[in-house]
Amino acid sequence: MPAMDRPQTNAMRCVLAEGKAVTAFQVHMPPMGKARPRVTRTGHAFMPEPYRKWKKEFGRLAKLALKSETLPLFPKGVRIRVDTVFFTKTGNCQSDTDNAHASVLDALQDAGIIVNDRDVKAGSFDIASSPMGDDYIHISIQPRPDRL
Protein backbone atom coordinates (compact mmCIF):
# COMPACT_ATOMS: atom_id res chain seq x y z
CA MET A 1 0.00 0.00 0.00
CA PRO A 2 1.46 3.42 -0.92
CA ALA A 3 2.45 5.54 2.06
CA MET A 4 -0.10 8.28 1.40
CA ASP A 5 -2.99 5.77 1.25
CA ARG A 6 -2.13 4.10 4.56
CA PRO A 7 -4.49 4.94 7.43
CA GLN A 8 -2.75 7.04 10.03
CA THR A 9 -2.28 6.13 13.66
CA ASN A 10 -3.81 8.74 15.93
CA ALA A 11 -1.44 10.59 18.17
CA MET A 12 -1.05 9.35 21.70
CA ARG A 13 -0.65 11.84 24.50
CA CYS A 14 0.40 10.74 27.96
CA VAL A 15 1.44 12.65 31.03
CA LEU A 16 4.68 11.84 32.78
CA ALA A 17 4.98 11.75 36.55
CA GLU A 18 6.38 15.31 36.48
CA GLY A 19 3.15 16.50 34.80
CA LYS A 20 4.73 17.00 31.38
CA ALA A 21 2.79 15.89 28.32
CA VAL A 22 4.37 13.66 25.68
CA THR A 23 2.84 13.47 22.21
CA ALA A 24 3.83 10.48 20.07
CA PHE A 25 2.73 9.63 16.53
CA GLN A 26 3.83 7.86 13.37
CA VAL A 27 4.20 9.03 9.79
CA HIS A 28 4.19 6.25 7.20
CA MET A 29 6.81 7.28 4.68
CA PRO A 30 10.54 6.68 4.23
CA PRO A 31 13.07 9.01 5.84
CA MET A 32 14.85 11.62 3.76
CA GLY A 33 18.01 13.49 4.69
CA LYS A 34 18.04 17.25 4.86
CA ALA A 35 18.96 18.61 1.46
CA ARG A 36 21.47 21.36 0.84
CA PRO A 37 20.25 24.50 -0.89
CA ARG A 38 21.06 24.88 -4.57
CA VAL A 39 22.03 28.22 -6.07
CA THR A 40 21.10 29.46 -9.54
CA ARG A 41 23.48 31.40 -11.78
CA THR A 42 21.75 34.59 -10.64
CA GLY A 43 22.44 33.80 -6.98
CA HIS A 44 18.92 32.68 -6.00
CA ALA A 45 19.02 29.85 -3.43
CA PHE A 46 16.36 27.13 -3.40
CA MET A 47 15.83 23.66 -1.94
CA PRO A 48 15.63 20.70 -4.36
CA GLU A 49 12.12 19.71 -5.46
CA PRO A 50 12.18 16.14 -4.02
CA TYR A 51 13.01 17.53 -0.57
CA ARG A 52 10.29 20.20 -0.75
CA LYS A 53 7.74 17.55 -1.77
CA TRP A 54 8.87 15.20 1.01
CA LYS A 55 8.51 17.94 3.67
CA LYS A 56 5.06 18.90 2.41
CA GLU A 57 3.82 15.29 2.41
CA PHE A 58 5.37 14.60 5.82
CA GLY A 59 3.63 17.68 7.23
CA ARG A 60 0.28 16.65 5.74
CA LEU A 61 0.52 13.13 7.20
CA ALA A 62 1.75 14.40 10.57
CA LYS A 63 -1.21 16.80 10.81
CA LEU A 64 -3.57 13.91 10.02
CA ALA A 65 -2.01 11.89 12.83
CA LEU A 66 -2.37 14.88 15.17
CA LYS A 67 -5.90 15.82 14.09
CA SER A 68 -7.23 16.06 17.65
CA GLU A 69 -4.32 18.16 18.90
CA THR A 70 -4.14 21.95 19.08
CA LEU A 71 -1.26 23.19 16.97
CA PRO A 72 1.41 24.23 17.61
CA LEU A 73 1.87 21.71 20.40
CA PHE A 74 3.81 24.18 22.57
CA PRO A 75 3.96 27.99 22.52
CA LYS A 76 6.95 29.88 21.20
CA GLY A 77 9.97 29.76 23.46
CA VAL A 78 9.07 26.53 25.26
CA ARG A 79 12.13 24.30 25.24
CA ILE A 80 11.18 20.96 23.68
CA ARG A 81 12.64 17.53 23.06
CA VAL A 82 11.98 15.66 19.80
CA ASP A 83 12.87 11.99 19.48
CA THR A 84 12.62 10.11 16.19
CA VAL A 85 12.98 6.46 15.30
CA PHE A 86 13.24 5.64 11.61
CA PHE A 87 11.83 2.19 10.88
CA THR A 88 12.87 0.90 7.46
CA LYS A 89 12.55 -2.39 5.62
CA THR A 90 16.32 -2.90 5.75
CA GLY A 91 17.10 -1.25 9.09
CA ASN A 92 19.31 1.23 7.20
CA CYS A 93 18.87 4.76 5.93
CA GLN A 94 20.25 6.10 2.63
CA SER A 95 21.06 9.36 4.37
CA ASP A 96 22.92 10.06 7.60
CA THR A 97 20.43 9.61 10.41
CA ASP A 98 21.19 13.05 11.86
CA ASN A 99 20.29 14.62 8.50
CA ALA A 100 17.04 12.65 8.44
CA HIS A 101 16.27 13.93 11.96
CA ALA A 102 16.94 17.50 10.80
CA SER A 103 14.50 17.08 7.89
CA VAL A 104 11.81 15.91 10.35
CA LEU A 105 12.39 19.05 12.45
CA ASP A 106 12.11 21.24 9.32
CA ALA A 107 8.88 19.51 8.29
CA LEU A 108 7.39 19.81 11.81
CA GLN A 109 8.09 23.55 11.74
CA ASP A 110 6.75 24.04 8.21
CA ALA A 111 3.54 22.19 9.17
CA GLY A 112 3.03 24.39 12.25
CA ILE A 113 3.41 21.48 14.69
CA ILE A 114 6.31 23.21 16.40
CA VAL A 115 6.80 26.97 16.26
CA ASN A 116 10.52 27.00 15.59
CA ASP A 117 13.06 24.20 15.42
CA ARG A 118 15.36 26.47 17.46
CA ASP A 119 13.12 25.58 20.43
CA VAL A 120 14.29 21.95 20.13
CA LYS A 121 16.98 21.79 22.81
CA ALA A 122 17.26 18.00 23.13
CA GLY A 123 16.36 14.84 21.33
CA SER A 124 17.52 11.57 19.93
CA PHE A 125 17.32 9.65 16.69
CA ASP A 126 17.67 5.99 15.90
CA ILE A 127 17.08 3.58 13.06
CA ALA A 128 15.69 0.05 13.21
CA SER A 129 14.22 -2.69 11.05
CA SER A 130 10.50 -2.23 10.56
CA PRO A 131 8.39 -4.81 12.39
CA MET A 132 5.54 -3.99 9.96
CA GLY A 133 7.67 -4.47 6.84
CA ASP A 134 7.30 -0.90 5.58
CA ASP A 135 8.99 2.44 6.15
CA TYR A 136 7.66 4.74 8.84
CA ILE A 137 8.89 7.34 11.30
CA HIS A 138 7.93 7.38 14.98
CA ILE A 139 8.10 10.85 16.54
CA SER A 140 7.66 11.90 20.15
CA ILE A 141 7.60 15.51 21.29
CA GLN A 142 7.65 16.75 24.87
CA PRO A 143 8.61 19.86 26.82
CA ARG A 144 12.14 19.80 28.17
CA PRO A 145 12.82 20.95 31.72
CA ASP A 146 14.86 24.14 32.06
CA ARG A 147 17.26 22.32 34.33
CA LEU A 148 18.41 18.75 33.92
C-alpha atoms as a PDB file:
ATOM      1  CA  MET A   1       0.000   0.000   0.000  1.00  0.00           C
ATOM      2  CA  PRO A   2       1.461   3.422  -0.916  1.00  0.00           C
ATOM      3  CA  ALA A   3       2.455   5.544   2.064  1.00  0.00           C
ATOM      4  CA  MET A   4      -0.098   8.285   1.398  1.00  0.00           C
ATOM      5  CA  ASP A   5      -2.992   5.774   1.249  1.00  0.00           C
ATOM      6  CA  ARG A   6      -2.130   4.098   4.559  1.00  0.00           C
ATOM      7  CA  PRO A   7      -4.485   4.944   7.431  1.00  0.00           C
ATOM      8  CA  GLN A   8      -2.754   7.043  10.031  1.00  0.00           C
ATOM      9  CA  THR A   9      -2.283   6.126  13.658  1.00  0.00           C
ATOM     10  CA  ASN A  10      -3.808   8.741  15.931  1.00  0.00           C
ATOM     11  CA  ALA A  11      -1.441  10.589  18.171  1.00  0.00           C
ATOM     12  CA  MET A  12      -1.046   9.351  21.698  1.00  0.00           C
ATOM     13  CA  ARG A  13      -0.647  11.836  24.502  1.00  0.00           C
ATOM     14  CA  CYS A  14       0.396  10.742  27.957  1.00  0.00           C
ATOM     15  CA  VAL A  15       1.435  12.653  31.032  1.00  0.00           C
ATOM     16  CA  LEU A  16       4.675  11.844  32.776  1.00  0.00           C
ATOM     17  CA  ALA A  17       4.984  11.753  36.547  1.00  0.00           C
ATOM     18  CA  GLU A  18       6.380  15.306  36.477  1.00  0.00           C
ATOM     19  CA  GLY A  19       3.154  16.501  34.803  1.00  0.00           C
ATOM     20  CA  LYS A  20       4.731  17.003  31.384  1.00  0.00           C
ATOM     21  CA  ALA A  21       2.788  15.885  28.323  1.00  0.00           C
ATOM     22  CA  VAL A  22       4.371  13.662  25.676  1.00  0.00           C
ATOM     23  CA  THR A  23       2.837  13.472  22.214  1.00  0.00           C
ATOM     24  CA  ALA A  24       3.826  10.482  20.068  1.00  0.00           C
ATOM     25  CA  PHE A  25       2.729   9.634  16.532  1.00  0.00           C
ATOM     26  CA  GLN A  26       3.833   7.855  13.369  1.00  0.00           C
ATOM     27  CA  VAL A  27       4.200   9.028   9.792  1.00  0.00           C
ATOM     28  CA  HIS A  28       4.189   6.248   7.205  1.00  0.00           C
ATOM     29  CA  MET A  29       6.808   7.283   4.683  1.00  0.00           C
ATOM     30  CA  PRO A  30      10.541   6.675   4.229  1.00  0.00           C
ATOM     31  CA  PRO A  31      13.069   9.012   5.838  1.00  0.00           C
ATOM     32  CA  MET A  32      14.852  11.615   3.759  1.00  0.00           C
ATOM     33  CA  GLY A  33      18.011  13.486   4.689  1.00  0.00           C
ATOM     34  CA  LYS A  34      18.038  17.247   4.862  1.00  0.00           C
ATOM     35  CA  ALA A  35      18.959  18.610   1.465  1.00  0.00           C
ATOM     36  CA  ARG A  36      21.467  21.358   0.837  1.00  0.00           C
ATOM     37  CA  PRO A  37      20.248  24.496  -0.894  1.00  0.00           C
ATOM     38  CA  ARG A  38      21.056  24.877  -4.571  1.00  0.00           C
ATOM     39  CA  VAL A  39      22.026  28.224  -6.066  1.00  0.00           C
ATOM     40  CA  THR A  40      21.101  29.464  -9.537  1.00  0.00           C
ATOM     41  CA  ARG A  41      23.477  31.398 -11.775  1.00  0.00           C
ATOM     42  CA  THR A  42      21.746  34.592 -10.643  1.00  0.00           C
ATOM     43  CA  GLY A  43      22.436  33.796  -6.978  1.00  0.00           C
ATOM     44  CA  HIS A  44      18.920  32.683  -6.001  1.00  0.00           C
ATOM     45  CA  ALA A  45      19.015  29.851  -3.425  1.00  0.00           C
ATOM     46  CA  PHE A  46      16.359  27.125  -3.399  1.00  0.00           C
ATOM     47  CA  MET A  47      15.825  23.659  -1.944  1.00  0.00           C
ATOM     48  CA  PRO A  48      15.632  20.695  -4.357  1.00  0.00           C
ATOM     49  CA  GLU A  49      12.125  19.706  -5.463  1.00  0.00           C
ATOM     50  CA  PRO A  50      12.178  16.135  -4.019  1.00  0.00           C
ATOM     51  CA  TYR A  51      13.013  17.531  -0.575  1.00  0.00           C
ATOM     52  CA  ARG A  52      10.291  20.205  -0.754  1.00  0.00           C
ATOM     53  CA  LYS A  53       7.738  17.552  -1.770  1.00  0.00           C
ATOM     54  CA  TRP A  54       8.870  15.201   1.014  1.00  0.00           C
ATOM     55  CA  LYS A  55       8.508  17.938   3.670  1.00  0.00           C
ATOM     56  CA  LYS A  56       5.056  18.904   2.413  1.00  0.00           C
ATOM     57  CA  GLU A  57       3.816  15.288   2.412  1.00  0.00           C
ATOM     58  CA  PHE A  58       5.373  14.602   5.819  1.00  0.00           C
ATOM     59  CA  GLY A  59       3.634  17.675   7.233  1.00  0.00           C
ATOM     60  CA  ARG A  60       0.281  16.650   5.745  1.00  0.00           C
ATOM     61  CA  LEU A  61       0.522  13.134   7.201  1.00  0.00           C
ATOM     62  CA  ALA A  62       1.751  14.404  10.573  1.00  0.00           C
ATOM     63  CA  LYS A  63      -1.212  16.800  10.812  1.00  0.00           C
ATOM     64  CA  LEU A  64      -3.568  13.914  10.022  1.00  0.00           C
ATOM     65  CA  ALA A  65      -2.009  11.889  12.831  1.00  0.00           C
ATOM     66  CA  LEU A  66      -2.366  14.880  15.171  1.00  0.00           C
ATOM     67  CA  LYS A  67      -5.900  15.817  14.090  1.00  0.00           C
ATOM     68  CA  SER A  68      -7.227  16.057  17.655  1.00  0.00           C
ATOM     69  CA  GLU A  69      -4.316  18.160  18.899  1.00  0.00           C
ATOM     70  CA  THR A  70      -4.144  21.954  19.077  1.00  0.00           C
ATOM     71  CA  LEU A  71      -1.256  23.185  16.967  1.00  0.00           C
ATOM     72  CA  PRO A  72       1.405  24.227  17.613  1.00  0.00           C
ATOM     73  CA  LEU A  73       1.870  21.705  20.405  1.00  0.00           C
ATOM     74  CA  PHE A  74       3.812  24.184  22.569  1.00  0.00           C
ATOM     75  CA  PRO A  75       3.955  27.985  22.525  1.00  0.00           C
ATOM     76  CA  LYS A  76       6.953  29.883  21.197  1.00  0.00           C
ATOM     77  CA  GLY A  77       9.967  29.763  23.462  1.00  0.00           C
ATOM     78  CA  VAL A  78       9.068  26.525  25.263  1.00  0.00           C
ATOM     79  CA  ARG A  79      12.133  24.300  25.236  1.00  0.00           C
ATOM     80  CA  ILE A  80      11.184  20.961  23.678  1.00  0.00           C
ATOM     81  CA  ARG A  81      12.642  17.525  23.063  1.00  0.00           C
ATOM     82  CA  VAL A  82      11.985  15.664  19.801  1.00  0.00           C
ATOM     83  CA  ASP A  83      12.871  11.985  19.485  1.00  0.00           C
ATOM     84  CA  THR A  84      12.623  10.108  16.188  1.00  0.00           C
ATOM     85  CA  VAL A  85      12.984   6.462  15.297  1.00  0.00           C
ATOM     86  CA  PHE A  86      13.243   5.638  11.609  1.00  0.00           C
ATOM     87  CA  PHE A  87      11.830   2.187  10.876  1.00  0.00           C
ATOM     88  CA  THR A  88      12.874   0.897   7.462  1.00  0.00           C
ATOM     89  CA  LYS A  89      12.547  -2.393   5.625  1.00  0.00           C
ATOM     90  CA  THR A  90      16.315  -2.901   5.749  1.00  0.00           C
ATOM     91  CA  GLY A  91      17.104  -1.254   9.086  1.00  0.00           C
ATOM     92  CA  ASN A  92      19.311   1.234   7.196  1.00  0.00           C
ATOM     93  CA  CYS A  93      18.870   4.763   5.926  1.00  0.00           C
ATOM     94  CA  GLN A  94      20.252   6.100   2.627  1.00  0.00           C
ATOM     95  CA  SER A  95      21.063   9.360   4.372  1.00  0.00           C
ATOM     96  CA  ASP A  96      22.921  10.062   7.598  1.00  0.00           C
ATOM     97  CA  THR A  97      20.426   9.612  10.411  1.00  0.00           C
ATOM     98  CA  ASP A  98      21.190  13.052  11.863  1.00  0.00           C
ATOM     99  CA  ASN A  99      20.294  14.623   8.500  1.00  0.00           C
ATOM    100  CA  ALA A 100      17.036  12.649   8.436  1.00  0.00           C
ATOM    101  CA  HIS A 101      16.266  13.926  11.964  1.00  0.00           C
ATOM    102  CA  ALA A 102      16.943  17.501  10.796  1.00  0.00           C
ATOM    103  CA  SER A 103      14.503  17.079   7.891  1.00  0.00           C
ATOM    104  CA  VAL A 104      11.815  15.907  10.351  1.00  0.00           C
ATOM    105  CA  LEU A 105      12.389  19.048  12.451  1.00  0.00           C
ATOM    106  CA  ASP A 106      12.114  21.242   9.320  1.00  0.00           C
ATOM    107  CA  ALA A 107       8.882  19.508   8.295  1.00  0.00           C
ATOM    108  CA  LEU A 108       7.389  19.809  11.810  1.00  0.00           C
ATOM    109  CA  GLN A 109       8.094  23.550  11.744  1.00  0.00           C
ATOM    110  CA  ASP A 110       6.746  24.038   8.206  1.00  0.00           C
ATOM    111  CA  ALA A 111       3.536  22.187   9.174  1.00  0.00           C
ATOM    112  CA  GLY A 112       3.031  24.386  12.254  1.00  0.00           C
ATOM    113  CA  ILE A 113       3.406  21.481  14.691  1.00  0.00           C
ATOM    114  CA  ILE A 114       6.311  23.211  16.402  1.00  0.00           C
ATOM    115  CA  VAL A 115       6.797  26.975  16.261  1.00  0.00           C
ATOM    116  CA  ASN A 116      10.517  27.004  15.588  1.00  0.00           C
ATOM    117  CA  ASP A 117      13.061  24.202  15.418  1.00  0.00           C
ATOM    118  CA  ARG A 118      15.357  26.471  17.457  1.00  0.00           C
ATOM    119  CA  ASP A 119      13.123  25.581  20.427  1.00  0.00           C
ATOM    120  CA  VAL A 120      14.289  21.947  20.133  1.00  0.00           C
ATOM    121  CA  LYS A 121      16.978  21.785  22.806  1.00  0.00           C
ATOM    122  CA  ALA A 122      17.261  17.998  23.132  1.00  0.00           C
ATOM    123  CA  GLY A 123      16.361  14.836  21.325  1.00  0.00           C
ATOM    124  CA  SER A 124      17.517  11.574  19.929  1.00  0.00           C
ATOM    125  CA  PHE A 125      17.321   9.647  16.692  1.00  0.00           C
ATOM    126  CA  ASP A 126      17.670   5.988  15.902  1.00  0.00           C
ATOM    127  CA  ILE A 127      17.076   3.580  13.060  1.00  0.00           C
ATOM    128  CA  ALA A 128      15.694   0.047  13.213  1.00  0.00           C
ATOM    129  CA  SER A 129      14.217  -2.691  11.053  1.00  0.00           C
ATOM    130  CA  SER A 130      10.500  -2.230  10.556  1.00  0.00           C
ATOM    131  CA  PRO A 131       8.391  -4.813  12.388  1.00  0.00           C
ATOM    132  CA  MET A 132       5.539  -3.994   9.961  1.00  0.00           C
ATOM    133  CA  GLY A 133       7.669  -4.469   6.845  1.00  0.00           C
ATOM    134  CA  ASP A 134       7.295  -0.904   5.580  1.00  0.00           C
ATOM    135  CA  ASP A 135       8.989   2.435   6.152  1.00  0.00           C
ATOM    136  CA  TYR A 136       7.658   4.741   8.843  1.00  0.00           C
ATOM    137  CA  ILE A 137       8.893   7.339  11.305  1.00  0.00           C
ATOM    138  CA  HIS A 138       7.932   7.378  14.984  1.00  0.00           C
ATOM    139  CA  ILE A 139       8.096  10.854  16.536  1.00  0.00           C
ATOM    140  CA  SER A 140       7.664  11.895  20.152  1.00  0.00           C
ATOM    141  CA  ILE A 141       7.596  15.513  21.295  1.00  0.00           C
ATOM    142  CA  GLN A 142       7.653  16.748  24.873  1.00  0.00           C
ATOM    143  CA  PRO A 143       8.607  19.856  26.823  1.00  0.00           C
ATOM    144  CA  ARG A 144      12.138  19.795  28.173  1.00  0.00           C
ATOM    145  CA  PRO A 145      12.819  20.948  31.718  1.00  0.00           C
ATOM    146  CA  ASP A 146      14.859  24.142  32.062  1.00  0.00           C
ATOM    147  CA  ARG A 147      17.258  22.318  34.333  1.00  0.00           C
ATOM    148  CA  LEU A 148      18.406  18.747  33.919  1.00  0.00           C
END
